[in-house]
Amino acid sequence: MPSTTNHILRVSYLGLLLLSGCATTTQTTQQLEIFFSPEQTSLNVEQQRQVQQFFEDNPYHQLAAYIAPANLNNPFDALLQSQKRMQAINKISAAKNIPLRTEFAPKQQPDTVLLKRL
């Protein structure tokens, strides 16, 4: 009888752990959207941390970066601005040996880069 009671207690305890979230699995982020101020050409410290974490969470997946133009009056300057932003992200992906497919996304919200797991 005592062994049955112990077994029931163990199963109940395990059930409580699962229900309370103590035994949940972590889920990796499948995309990261980065917002830039109009004059910003590189990543700030927090953005660098987020990009590095995204690459660490997705090291063996195919990744793509969709870059929107900057919100500037001159289209050429807007393209150059977004290219500089992408270079900052490419530095991190190169340092971690993670291939990154880049794609210009003119219809995406201006001043954003979307990193996405394919």
PDB file of N, CA and C in Angstrom:
ATOM      1  N   MET A   1       0.803  -1.191   0.000  1.00  0.00           N
ATOM      2  CA  MET A   1       0.000   0.000   0.000  1.00  0.00           C
ATOM      3  C   MET A   1       0.858   1.272   0.000  1.00  0.00           C
ATOM      4  N   PRO A   2       1.916   1.358   0.850  1.00  0.00           N
ATOM      5  CA  PRO A   2       2.711   2.577   0.864  1.00  0.00           C
ATOM      6  C   PRO A   2       3.372   2.863  -0.483  1.00  0.00           C
ATOM      7  N   SER A   3       3.781   1.832  -1.233  1.00  0.00           N
ATOM      8  CA  SER A   3       4.433   2.076  -2.519  1.00  0.00           C
ATOM      9  C   SER A   3       3.448   2.663  -3.524  1.00  0.00           C
ATOM     10  N   THR A   4       2.191   2.247  -3.463  1.00  0.00           N
ATOM     11  CA  THR A   4       1.171   2.808  -4.350  1.00  0.00           C
ATOM     12  C   THR A   4       0.939   4.274  -4.019  1.00  0.00           C
ATOM     13  N   THR A   5       0.914   4.595  -2.744  1.00  0.00           N
ATOM     14  CA  THR A   5       0.741   5.977  -2.322  1.00  0.00           C
ATOM     15  C   THR A   5       1.915   6.832  -2.786  1.00  0.00           C
ATOM     16  N   ASN A   6       3.135   6.317  -2.638  1.00  0.00           N
ATOM     17  CA  ASN A   6       4.318   7.051  -3.100  1.00  0.00           C
ATOM     18  C   ASN A   6       4.272   7.277  -4.605  1.00  0.00           C
ATOM     19  N   HIS A   7       3.850   6.276  -5.337  1.00  0.00           N
ATOM     20  CA  HIS A   7       3.757   6.384  -6.791  1.00  0.00           C
ATOM     21  C   HIS A   7       2.741   7.464  -7.183  1.00  0.00           C
ATOM     22  N   ILE A   8       1.608   7.468  -6.518  1.00  0.00           N
ATOM     23  CA  ILE A   8       0.573   8.468  -6.796  1.00  0.00           C
ATOM     24  C   ILE A   8       1.094   9.865  -6.479  1.00  0.00           C
ATOM     25  N   LEU A   9       1.816   9.991  -5.361  1.00  0.00           N
ATOM     26  CA  LEU A   9       2.380  11.289  -4.998  1.00  0.00           C
ATOM     27  C   LEU A   9       3.394  11.764  -6.036  1.00  0.00           C
ATOM     28  N   ARG A  10       4.251  10.869  -6.519  1.00  0.00           N
ATOM     29  CA  ARG A  10       5.248  11.236  -7.535  1.00  0.00           C
ATOM     30  C   ARG A  10       4.574  11.679  -8.830  1.00  0.00           C
ATOM     31  N   VAL A  11       3.580  10.930  -9.254  1.00  0.00           N
ATOM     32  CA  VAL A  11       2.866  11.280 -10.486  1.00  0.00           C
ATOM     33  C   VAL A  11       2.150  12.619 -10.312  1.00  0.00           C
ATOM     34  N   SER A  12       1.545  12.833  -9.156  1.00  0.00           N
ATOM     35  CA  SER A  12       0.865  14.101  -8.889  1.00  0.00           C
ATOM     36  C   SER A  12       1.850  15.257  -8.898  1.00  0.00           C
ATOM     37  N   TYR A  13       3.017  15.047  -8.297  1.00  0.00           N
ATOM     38  CA  TYR A  13       4.044  16.086  -8.254  1.00  0.00           C
ATOM     39  C   TYR A  13       4.523  16.420  -9.664  1.00  0.00           C
ATOM     40  N   LEU A  14       4.752  15.396 -10.478  1.00  0.00           N
ATOM     41  CA  LEU A  14       5.178  15.608 -11.858  1.00  0.00           C
ATOM     42  C   LEU A  14       4.113  16.375 -12.633  1.00  0.00           C
ATOM     43  N   GLY A  15       2.865  16.029 -12.412  1.00  0.00           N
ATOM     44  CA  GLY A  15       1.765  16.739 -13.061  1.00  0.00           C
ATOM     45  C   GLY A  15       1.728  18.205 -12.666  1.00  0.00           C
ATOM     46  N   LEU A  16       1.954  18.483 -11.390  1.00  0.00           N
ATOM     47  CA  LEU A  16       1.991  19.870 -10.929  1.00  0.00           C
ATOM     48  C   LEU A  16       3.134  20.640 -11.569  1.00  0.00           C
ATOM     49  N   LEU A  17       4.302  19.991 -11.688  1.00  0.00           N
ATOM     50  CA  LEU A  17       5.436  20.646 -12.342  1.00  0.00           C
ATOM     51  C   LEU A  17       5.105  21.017 -13.777  1.00  0.00           C
ATOM     52  N   LEU A  18       4.494  20.102 -14.480  1.00  0.00           N
ATOM     53  CA  LEU A  18       4.143  20.369 -15.873  1.00  0.00           C
ATOM     54  C   LEU A  18       3.114  21.479 -15.982  1.00  0.00           C
ATOM     55  N   LEU A  19       2.124  21.467 -15.101  1.00  0.00           N
ATOM     56  CA  LEU A  19       1.094  22.493 -15.139  1.00  0.00           C
ATOM     57  C   LEU A  19       1.618  23.861 -14.731  1.00  0.00           C
ATOM     58  N   SER A  20       2.564  23.888 -13.807  1.00  0.00           N
ATOM     59  CA  SER A  20       3.071  25.173 -13.326  1.00  0.00           C
ATOM     60  C   SER A  20       4.110  25.774 -14.257  1.00  0.00           C
ATOM     61  N   GLY A  21       4.576  25.009 -15.228  1.00  0.00           N
ATOM     62  CA  GLY A  21       5.534  25.560 -16.171  1.00  0.00           C
ATOM     63  C   GLY A  21       6.974  25.322 -15.793  1.00  0.00           C
ATOM     64  N   CYS A  22       7.236  24.629 -14.715  1.00  0.00           N
ATOM     65  CA  CYS A  22       8.612  24.387 -14.298  1.00  0.00           C
ATOM     66  C   CYS A  22       9.326  23.418 -15.226  1.00  0.00           C
ATOM     67  N   ALA A  23       8.586  22.621 -15.949  1.00  0.00           N
ATOM     68  CA  ALA A  23       9.204  21.624 -16.816  1.00  0.00           C
ATOM     69  C   ALA A  23       8.904  21.900 -18.284  1.00  0.00           C
ATOM     70  N   THR A  24       8.713  23.153 -18.634  1.00  0.00           N
ATOM     71  CA  THR A  24       8.405  23.481 -20.022  1.00  0.00           C
ATOM     72  C   THR A  24       9.680  23.558 -20.841  1.00  0.00           C
ATOM     73  N   THR A  25       9.539  23.343 -22.137  1.00  0.00           N
ATOM     74  CA  THR A  25      10.693  23.445 -23.028  1.00  0.00           C
ATOM     75  C   THR A  25      10.794  24.872 -23.539  1.00  0.00           C
ATOM     76  N   THR A  26      11.994  25.269 -23.898  1.00  0.00           N
ATOM     77  CA  THR A  26      12.183  26.613 -24.430  1.00  0.00           C
ATOM     78  C   THR A  26      11.906  26.599 -25.923  1.00  0.00           C
ATOM     79  N   GLN A  27      11.340  27.667 -26.402  1.00  0.00           N
ATOM     80  CA  GLN A  27      11.042  27.800 -27.817  1.00  0.00           C
ATOM     81  C   GLN A  27      11.972  28.840 -28.407  1.00  0.00           C
ATOM     82  N   THR A  28      12.536  28.541 -29.565  1.00  0.00           N
ATOM     83  CA  THR A  28      13.427  29.500 -30.196  1.00  0.00           C
ATOM     84  C   THR A  28      12.615  30.512 -30.981  1.00  0.00           C
ATOM     85  N   THR A  29      13.127  31.704 -31.032  1.00  0.00           N
ATOM     86  CA  THR A  29      12.495  32.768 -31.779  1.00  0.00           C
ATOM     87  C   THR A  29      12.722  32.532 -33.260  1.00  0.00           C
ATOM     88  N   GLN A  30      11.663  32.581 -34.043  1.00  0.00           N
ATOM     89  CA  GLN A  30      11.785  32.307 -35.462  1.00  0.00           C
ATOM     90  C   GLN A  30      11.957  33.564 -36.292  1.00  0.00           C
ATOM     91  N   GLN A  31      11.773  34.727 -35.686  1.00  0.00           N
ATOM     92  CA  GLN A  31      12.043  35.964 -36.403  1.00  0.00           C
ATOM     93  C   GLN A  31      12.339  37.082 -35.414  1.00  0.00           C
ATOM     94  N   LEU A  32      13.050  38.067 -35.910  1.00  0.00           N
ATOM     95  CA  LEU A  32      13.416  39.225 -35.097  1.00  0.00           C
ATOM     96  C   LEU A  32      13.284  40.454 -35.974  1.00  0.00           C
ATOM     97  N   GLU A  33      12.515  41.427 -35.516  1.00  0.00           N
ATOM     98  CA  GLU A  33      12.360  42.676 -36.249  1.00  0.00           C
ATOM     99  C   GLU A  33      13.122  43.762 -35.510  1.00  0.00           C
ATOM    100  N   ILE A  34      13.968  44.459 -36.247  1.00  0.00           N
ATOM    101  CA  ILE A  34      14.795  45.515 -35.668  1.00  0.00           C
ATOM    102  C   ILE A  34      14.325  46.849 -36.229  1.00  0.00           C
ATOM    103  N   PHE A  35      14.095  47.794 -35.348  1.00  0.00           N
ATOM    104  CA  PHE A  35      13.661  49.132 -35.741  1.00  0.00           C
ATOM    105  C   PHE A  35      14.827  50.098 -35.575  1.00  0.00           C
ATOM    106  N   PHE A  36      15.043  50.931 -36.572  1.00  0.00           N
ATOM    107  CA  PHE A  36      16.113  51.919 -36.545  1.00  0.00           C
ATOM    108  C   PHE A  36      15.517  53.316 -36.506  1.00  0.00           C
ATOM    109  N   SER A  37      16.226  54.239 -35.861  1.00  0.00           N
ATOM    110  CA  SER A  37      15.849  55.640 -35.982  1.00  0.00           C
ATOM    111  C   SER A  37      16.308  56.097 -37.370  1.00  0.00           C
ATOM    112  N   PRO A  38      15.696  57.123 -37.946  1.00  0.00           N
ATOM    113  CA  PRO A  38      16.027  57.511 -39.322  1.00  0.00           C
ATOM    114  C   PRO A  38      17.513  57.781 -39.571  1.00  0.00           C
ATOM    115  N   GLU A  39      18.206  58.340 -38.610  1.00  0.00           N
ATOM    116  CA  GLU A  39      19.623  58.671 -38.816  1.00  0.00           C
ATOM    117  C   GLU A  39      20.577  57.536 -38.433  1.00  0.00           C
ATOM    118  N   GLN A  40      20.071  56.477 -37.867  1.00  0.00           N
ATOM    119  CA  GLN A  40      20.896  55.371 -37.357  1.00  0.00           C
ATOM    120  C   GLN A  40      21.424  54.504 -38.498  1.00  0.00           C
ATOM    121  N   THR A  41      22.761  54.283 -38.498  1.00  0.00           N
ATOM    122  CA  THR A  41      23.372  53.448 -39.539  1.00  0.00           C
ATOM    123  C   THR A  41      23.951  52.151 -38.994  1.00  0.00           C
ATOM    124  N   SER A  42      24.076  52.037 -37.685  1.00  0.00           N
ATOM    125  CA  SER A  42      24.629  50.813 -37.100  1.00  0.00           C
ATOM    126  C   SER A  42      23.706  50.337 -35.979  1.00  0.00           C
ATOM    127  N   LEU A  43      24.064  49.206 -35.415  1.00  0.00           N
ATOM    128  CA  LEU A  43      23.264  48.636 -34.331  1.00  0.00           C
ATOM    129  C   LEU A  43      23.672  49.230 -32.989  1.00  0.00           C
ATOM    130  N   ASN A  44      22.695  49.537 -32.149  1.00  0.00           N
ATOM    131  CA  ASN A  44      23.045  49.939 -30.790  1.00  0.00           C
ATOM    132  C   ASN A  44      23.336  48.678 -29.973  1.00  0.00           C
ATOM    133  N   VAL A  45      23.728  48.844 -28.741  1.00  0.00           N
ATOM    134  CA  VAL A  45      24.148  47.714 -27.901  1.00  0.00           C
ATOM    135  C   VAL A  45      23.025  46.693 -27.732  1.00  0.00           C
ATOM    136  N   GLU A  46      21.821  47.149 -27.467  1.00  0.00           N
ATOM    137  CA  GLU A  46      20.691  46.232 -27.277  1.00  0.00           C
ATOM    138  C   GLU A  46      20.368  45.490 -28.572  1.00  0.00           C
ATOM    139  N   GLN A  47      20.409  46.188 -29.694  1.00  0.00           N
ATOM    140  CA  GLN A  47      20.150  45.536 -30.980  1.00  0.00           C
ATOM    141  C   GLN A  47      21.221  44.485 -31.284  1.00  0.00           C
ATOM    142  N   GLN A  48      22.473  44.798 -30.963  1.00  0.00           N
ATOM    143  CA  GLN A  48      23.550  43.819 -31.156  1.00  0.00           C
ATOM    144  C   GLN A  48      23.283  42.565 -30.325  1.00  0.00           C
ATOM    145  N   ARG A  49      22.875  42.762 -29.091  1.00  0.00           N
ATOM    146  CA  ARG A  49      22.580  41.632 -28.209  1.00  0.00           C
ATOM    147  C   ARG A  49      21.440  40.792 -28.777  1.00  0.00           C
ATOM    148  N   GLN A  50      20.396  41.451 -29.265  1.00  0.00           N
ATOM    149  CA  GLN A  50      19.250  40.736 -29.823  1.00  0.00           C
ATOM    150  C   GLN A  50      19.643  39.936 -31.070  1.00  0.00           C
ATOM    151  N   VAL A  51      20.447  40.530 -31.941  1.00  0.00           N
ATOM    152  CA  VAL A  51      20.881  39.838 -33.161  1.00  0.00           C
ATOM    153  C   VAL A  51      21.756  38.644 -32.799  1.00  0.00           C
ATOM    154  N   GLN A  52      22.692  38.852 -31.874  1.00  0.00           N
ATOM    155  CA  GLN A  52      23.552  37.744 -31.452  1.00  0.00           C
ATOM    156  C   GLN A  52      22.729  36.611 -30.847  1.00  0.00           C
ATOM    157  N   GLN A  53      21.753  36.951 -30.029  1.00  0.00           N
ATOM    158  CA  GLN A  53      20.893  35.936 -29.418  1.00  0.00           C
ATOM    159  C   GLN A  53      20.086  35.199 -30.480  1.00  0.00           C
ATOM    160  N   PHE A  54      19.589  35.929 -31.472  1.00  0.00           N
ATOM    161  CA  PHE A  54      18.831  35.300 -32.555  1.00  0.00           C
ATOM    162  C   PHE A  54      19.703  34.297 -33.307  1.00  0.00           C
ATOM    163  N   PHE A  55      20.949  34.676 -33.601  1.00  0.00           N
ATOM    164  CA  PHE A  55      21.860  33.763 -34.297  1.00  0.00           C
ATOM    165  C   PHE A  55      22.215  32.559 -33.424  1.00  0.00           C
ATOM    166  N   GLU A  56      22.381  32.777 -32.127  1.00  0.00           N
ATOM    167  CA  GLU A  56      22.678  31.663 -31.221  1.00  0.00           C
ATOM    168  C   GLU A  56      21.493  30.700 -31.113  1.00  0.00           C
ATOM    169  N   ASP A  57      20.287  31.236 -31.171  1.00  0.00           N
ATOM    170  CA  ASP A  57      19.083  30.404 -31.089  1.00  0.00           C
ATOM    171  C   ASP A  57      18.811  29.638 -32.384  1.00  0.00           C
ATOM    172  N   ASN A  58      19.371  30.103 -33.492  1.00  0.00           N
ATOM    173  CA  ASN A  58      19.105  29.506 -34.801  1.00  0.00           C
ATOM    174  C   ASN A  58      20.392  29.207 -35.560  1.00  0.00           C
ATOM    175  N   PRO A  59      21.364  28.518 -34.960  1.00  0.00           N
ATOM    176  CA  PRO A  59      22.670  28.360 -35.608  1.00  0.00           C
ATOM    177  C   PRO A  59      22.671  27.437 -36.817  1.00  0.00           C
ATOM    178  N   TYR A  60      21.757  26.510 -36.899  1.00  0.00           N
ATOM    179  CA  TYR A  60      21.798  25.522 -37.979  1.00  0.00           C
ATOM    180  C   TYR A  60      20.631  25.667 -38.948  1.00  0.00           C
ATOM    181  N   HIS A  61      19.973  26.776 -38.902  1.00  0.00           N
ATOM    182  CA  HIS A  61      18.826  26.997 -39.780  1.00  0.00           C
ATOM    183  C   HIS A  61      19.203  27.956 -40.899  1.00  0.00           C
ATOM    184  N   GLN A  62      18.469  27.886 -41.983  1.00  0.00           N
ATOM    185  CA  GLN A  62      18.638  28.868 -43.040  1.00  0.00           C
ATOM    186  C   GLN A  62      17.967  30.147 -42.567  1.00  0.00           C
ATOM    187  N   LEU A  63      18.702  31.240 -42.667  1.00  0.00           N
ATOM    188  CA  LEU A  63      18.193  32.521 -42.197  1.00  0.00           C
ATOM    189  C   LEU A  63      18.192  33.530 -43.333  1.00  0.00           C
ATOM    190  N   ALA A  64      17.246  34.440 -43.267  1.00  0.00           N
ATOM    191  CA  ALA A  64      17.163  35.508 -44.254  1.00  0.00           C
ATOM    192  C   ALA A  64      17.006  36.833 -43.529  1.00  0.00           C
ATOM    193  N   ALA A  65      17.538  37.867 -44.144  1.00  0.00           N
ATOM    194  CA  ALA A  65      17.382  39.223 -43.631  1.00  0.00           C
ATOM    195  C   ALA A  65      16.665  40.044 -44.693  1.00  0.00           C
ATOM    196  N   TYR A  66      15.544  40.607 -44.319  1.00  0.00           N
ATOM    197  CA  TYR A  66      14.769  41.456 -45.219  1.00  0.00           C
ATOM    198  C   TYR A  66      14.966  42.891 -44.752  1.00  0.00           C
ATOM    199  N   ILE A  67      15.536  43.698 -45.625  1.00  0.00           N
ATOM    200  CA  ILE A  67      15.872  45.060 -45.227  1.00  0.00           C
ATOM    201  C   ILE A  67      15.027  46.063 -45.989  1.00  0.00           C
ATOM    202  N   ALA A  68      14.431  46.966 -45.230  1.00  0.00           N
ATOM    203  CA  ALA A  68      13.617  48.032 -45.811  1.00  0.00           C
ATOM    204  C   ALA A  68      14.488  49.266 -46.020  1.00  0.00           C
ATOM    205  N   PRO A  69      14.106  50.111 -46.951  1.00  0.00           N
ATOM    206  CA  PRO A  69      14.862  51.351 -47.122  1.00  0.00           C
ATOM    207  C   PRO A  69      14.663  52.272 -45.919  1.00  0.00           C
ATOM    208  N   ALA A  70      15.609  53.159 -45.753  1.00  0.00           N
ATOM    209  CA  ALA A  70      15.478  54.163 -44.698  1.00  0.00           C
ATOM    210  C   ALA A  70      14.413  55.175 -45.110  1.00  0.00           C
ATOM    211  N   ASN A  71      13.851  55.834 -44.147  1.00  0.00           N
ATOM    212  CA  ASN A  71      12.812  56.827 -44.406  1.00  0.00           C
ATOM    213  C   ASN A  71      13.462  58.188 -44.663  1.00  0.00           C
ATOM    214  N   LEU A  72      14.059  58.321 -45.842  1.00  0.00           N
ATOM    215  CA  LEU A  72      14.723  59.558 -46.242  1.00  0.00           C
ATOM    216  C   LEU A  72      14.111  60.050 -47.549  1.00  0.00           C
ATOM    217  N   ASN A  73      14.213  61.352 -47.800  1.00  0.00           N
ATOM    218  CA  ASN A  73      13.627  61.925 -49.017  1.00  0.00           C
ATOM    219  C   ASN A  73      14.331  61.453 -50.281  1.00  0.00           C
ATOM    220  N   ASN A  74      15.640  61.341 -50.233  1.00  0.00           N
ATOM    221  CA  ASN A  74      16.415  60.935 -51.398  1.00  0.00           C
ATOM    222  C   ASN A  74      16.475  59.407 -51.451  1.00  0.00           C
ATOM    223  N   PRO A  75      15.920  58.781 -52.491  1.00  0.00           N
ATOM    224  CA  PRO A  75      15.906  57.313 -52.570  1.00  0.00           C
ATOM    225  C   PRO A  75      17.306  56.686 -52.555  1.00  0.00           C
ATOM    226  N   PHE A  76      18.270  57.356 -53.171  1.00  0.00           N
ATOM    227  CA  PHE A  76      19.632  56.826 -53.177  1.00  0.00           C
ATOM    228  C   PHE A  76      20.209  56.825 -51.762  1.00  0.00           C
ATOM    229  N   ASP A  77      20.017  57.920 -51.040  1.00  0.00           N
ATOM    230  CA  ASP A  77      20.484  57.984 -49.648  1.00  0.00           C
ATOM    231  C   ASP A  77      19.774  56.944 -48.778  1.00  0.00           C
ATOM    232  N   ALA A  78      18.501  56.723 -49.042  1.00  0.00           N
ATOM    233  CA  ALA A  78      17.739  55.727 -48.281  1.00  0.00           C
ATOM    234  C   ALA A  78      18.314  54.329 -48.499  1.00  0.00           C
ATOM    235  N   LEU A  79      18.705  54.037 -49.732  1.00  0.00           N
ATOM    236  CA  LEU A  79      19.294  52.739 -50.040  1.00  0.00           C
ATOM    237  C   LEU A  79      20.664  52.585 -49.385  1.00  0.00           C
ATOM    238  N   LEU A  80      21.481  53.641 -49.444  1.00  0.00           N
ATOM    239  CA  LEU A  80      22.804  53.602 -48.802  1.00  0.00           C
ATOM    240  C   LEU A  80      22.684  53.420 -47.292  1.00  0.00           C
ATOM    241  N   GLN A  81      21.737  54.112 -46.707  1.00  0.00           N
ATOM    242  CA  GLN A  81      21.516  54.011 -45.257  1.00  0.00           C
ATOM    243  C   GLN A  81      21.156  52.572 -44.869  1.00  0.00           C
ATOM    244  N   SER A  82      20.261  51.966 -45.624  1.00  0.00           N
ATOM    245  CA  SER A  82      19.863  50.592 -45.299  1.00  0.00           C
ATOM    246  C   SER A  82      21.007  49.614 -45.554  1.00  0.00           C
ATOM    247  N   GLN A  83      21.847  49.898 -46.535  1.00  0.00           N
ATOM    248  CA  GLN A  83      23.005  49.038 -46.800  1.00  0.00           C
ATOM    249  C   GLN A  83      23.979  49.068 -45.622  1.00  0.00           C
ATOM    250  N   LYS A  84      24.201  50.231 -45.040  1.00  0.00           N
ATOM    251  CA  LYS A  84      25.088  50.345 -43.872  1.00  0.00           C
ATOM    252  C   LYS A  84      24.527  49.558 -42.688  1.00  0.00           C
ATOM    253  N   ARG A  85      23.233  49.599 -42.516  1.00  0.00           N
ATOM    254  CA  ARG A  85      22.599  48.846 -41.429  1.00  0.00           C
ATOM    255  C   ARG A  85      22.800  47.346 -41.628  1.00  0.00           C
ATOM    256  N   MET A  86      22.650  46.918 -42.874  1.00  0.00           N
ATOM    257  CA  MET A  86      22.807  45.494 -43.169  1.00  0.00           C
ATOM    258  C   MET A  86      24.244  45.046 -42.961  1.00  0.00           C
ATOM    259  N   GLN A  87      25.203  45.908 -43.250  1.00  0.00           N
ATOM    260  CA  GLN A  87      26.609  45.569 -43.024  1.00  0.00           C
ATOM    261  C   GLN A  87      26.868  45.271 -41.551  1.00  0.00           C
ATOM    262  N   ALA A  88      26.229  46.018 -40.668  1.00  0.00           N
ATOM    263  CA  ALA A  88      26.396  45.785 -39.228  1.00  0.00           C
ATOM    264  C   ALA A  88      25.872  44.400 -38.841  1.00  0.00           C
ATOM    265  N   ILE A  89      24.772  43.984 -39.432  1.00  0.00           N
ATOM    266  CA  ILE A  89      24.218  42.656 -39.145  1.00  0.00           C
ATOM    267  C   ILE A  89      25.084  41.574 -39.775  1.00  0.00           C
ATOM    268  N   ASN A  90      25.571  41.828 -40.985  1.00  0.00           N
ATOM    269  CA  ASN A  90      26.436  40.853 -41.664  1.00  0.00           C
ATOM    270  C   ASN A  90      27.728  40.599 -40.896  1.00  0.00           C
ATOM    271  N   LYS A  91      28.241  41.610 -40.209  1.00  0.00           N
ATOM    272  CA  LYS A  91      29.457  41.426 -39.399  1.00  0.00           C
ATOM    273  C   LYS A  91      29.221  40.375 -38.312  1.00  0.00           C
ATOM    274  N   ILE A  92      28.074  40.450 -37.674  1.00  0.00           N
ATOM    275  CA  ILE A  92      27.761  39.498 -36.606  1.00  0.00           C
ATOM    276  C   ILE A  92      27.565  38.099 -37.183  1.00  0.00           C
ATOM    277  N   SER A  93      26.851  37.990 -38.295  1.00  0.00           N
ATOM    278  CA  SER A  93      26.623  36.660 -38.882  1.00  0.00           C
ATOM    279  C   SER A  93      27.929  36.055 -39.381  1.00  0.00           C
ATOM    280  N   ALA A  94      28.824  36.875 -39.924  1.00  0.00           N
ATOM    281  CA  ALA A  94      30.121  36.370 -40.387  1.00  0.00           C
ATOM    282  C   ALA A  94      30.974  35.911 -39.207  1.00  0.00           C
ATOM    283  N   ALA A  95      30.941  36.659 -38.110  1.00  0.00           N
ATOM    284  CA  ALA A  95      31.722  36.289 -36.928  1.00  0.00           C
ATOM    285  C   ALA A  95      31.245  34.958 -36.343  1.00  0.00           C
ATOM    286  N   LYS A  96      29.973  34.645 -36.506  1.00  0.00           N
ATOM    287  CA  LYS A  96      29.416  33.391 -35.984  1.00  0.00           C
ATOM    288  C   LYS A  96      29.347  32.305 -37.064  1.00  0.00           C
ATOM    289  N   ASN A  97      29.887  32.601 -38.252  1.00  0.00           N
ATOM    290  CA  ASN A  97      29.867  31.659 -39.385  1.00  0.00           C
ATOM    291  C   ASN A  97      28.456  31.195 -39.727  1.00  0.00           C
ATOM    292  N   ILE A  98      27.532  32.120 -39.721  1.00  0.00           N
ATOM    293  CA  ILE A  98      26.143  31.808 -40.049  1.00  0.00           C
ATOM    294  C   ILE A  98      25.807  32.464 -41.382  1.00  0.00           C
ATOM    295  N   PRO A  99      25.517  31.651 -42.401  1.00  0.00           N
ATOM    296  CA  PRO A  99      25.142  32.242 -43.689  1.00  0.00           C
ATOM    297  C   PRO A  99      23.800  32.958 -43.575  1.00  0.00           C
ATOM    298  N   LEU A 100      23.721  34.089 -44.233  1.00  0.00           N
ATOM    299  CA  LEU A 100      22.528  34.915 -44.140  1.00  0.00           C
ATOM    300  C   LEU A 100      22.147  35.380 -45.536  1.00  0.00           C
ATOM    301  N   ARG A 101      20.964  35.010 -45.956  1.00  0.00           N
ATOM    302  CA  ARG A 101      20.466  35.478 -47.254  1.00  0.00           C
ATOM    303  C   ARG A 101      19.862  36.862 -47.044  1.00  0.00           C
ATOM    304  N   THR A 102      20.298  37.821 -47.839  1.00  0.00           N
ATOM    305  CA  THR A 102      19.768  39.179 -47.697  1.00  0.00           C
ATOM    306  C   THR A 102      18.867  39.504 -48.883  1.00  0.00           C
ATOM    307  N   GLU A 103      17.820  40.223 -48.566  1.00  0.00           N
ATOM    308  CA  GLU A 103      16.851  40.582 -49.593  1.00  0.00           C
ATOM    309  C   GLU A 103      16.325  41.981 -49.304  1.00  0.00           C
ATOM    310  N   PHE A 104      16.317  42.823 -50.330  1.00  0.00           N
ATOM    311  CA  PHE A 104      15.776  44.165 -50.198  1.00  0.00           C
ATOM    312  C   PHE A 104      14.259  44.067 -50.183  1.00  0.00           C
ATOM    313  N   ALA A 105      13.626  44.747 -49.239  1.00  0.00           N
ATOM    314  CA  ALA A 105      12.169  44.681 -49.074  1.00  0.00           C
ATOM    315  C   ALA A 105      11.579  46.090 -49.104  1.00  0.00           C
ATOM    316  N   PRO A 106      11.391  46.647 -50.299  1.00  0.00           N
ATOM    317  CA  PRO A 106      10.934  48.035 -50.403  1.00  0.00           C
ATOM    318  C   PRO A 106       9.532  48.282 -49.844  1.00  0.00           C
ATOM    319  N   LYS A 107       8.703  47.253 -49.723  1.00  0.00           N
ATOM    320  CA  LYS A 107       7.338  47.437 -49.206  1.00  0.00           C
ATOM    321  C   LYS A 107       7.241  47.214 -47.698  1.00  0.00           C
ATOM    322  N   GLN A 108       8.338  46.790 -47.103  1.00  0.00           N
ATOM    323  CA  GLN A 108       8.381  46.586 -45.651  1.00  0.00           C
ATOM    324  C   GLN A 108       8.392  47.960 -44.972  1.00  0.00           C
ATOM    325  N   GLN A 109       7.984  47.999 -43.713  1.00  0.00           N
ATOM    326  CA  GLN A 109       7.978  49.261 -42.965  1.00  0.00           C
ATOM    327  C   GLN A 109       9.360  49.897 -43.031  1.00  0.00           C
ATOM    328  N   PRO A 110       9.451  51.189 -43.396  1.00  0.00           N
ATOM    329  CA  PRO A 110      10.766  51.849 -43.477  1.00  0.00           C
ATOM    330  C   PRO A 110      11.531  51.751 -42.160  1.00  0.00           C
ATOM    331  N   ASP A 111      12.843  51.769 -42.282  1.00  0.00           N
ATOM    332  CA  ASP A 111      13.750  51.756 -41.129  1.00  0.00           C
ATOM    333  C   ASP A 111      13.652  50.472 -40.306  1.00  0.00           C
ATOM    334  N   THR A 112      13.397  49.351 -40.965  1.00  0.00           N
ATOM    335  CA  THR A 112      13.357  48.062 -40.269  1.00  0.00           C
ATOM    336  C   THR A 112      14.193  47.020 -41.002  1.00  0.00           C
ATOM    337  N   VAL A 113      14.651  46.049 -40.233  1.00  0.00           N
ATOM    338  CA  VAL A 113      15.267  44.836 -40.773  1.00  0.00           C
ATOM    339  C   VAL A 113      14.552  43.676 -40.093  1.00  0.00           C
ATOM    340  N   LEU A 114      14.139  42.711 -40.883  1.00  0.00           N
ATOM    341  CA  LEU A 114      13.474  41.528 -40.358  1.00  0.00           C
ATOM    342  C   LEU A 114      14.383  40.327 -40.581  1.00  0.00           C
ATOM    343  N   LEU A 115      14.838  39.722 -39.489  1.00  0.00           N
ATOM    344  CA  LEU A 115      15.608  38.483 -39.561  1.00  0.00           C
ATOM    345  C   LEU A 115      14.620  37.349 -39.366  1.00  0.00           C
ATOM    346  N   LYS A 116      14.690  36.369 -40.263  1.00  0.00           N
ATOM    347  CA  LYS A 116      13.677  35.321 -40.240  1.00  0.00           C
ATOM    348  C   LYS A 116      14.295  33.962 -40.518  1.00  0.00           C
ATOM    349  N   ARG A 117      13.826  32.980 -39.786  1.00  0.00           N
ATOM    350  CA  ARG A 117      14.221  31.599 -40.027  1.00  0.00           C
ATOM    351  C   ARG A 117      13.344  31.050 -41.147  1.00  0.00           C
ATOM    352  N   LEU A 118      13.982  30.442 -42.133  1.00  0.00           N
ATOM    353  CA  LEU A 118      13.229  29.919 -43.285  1.00  0.00           C
ATOM    354  C   LEU A 118      12.756  28.504 -43.056  1.00  0.00           C
TER     355      LEU A 118
END
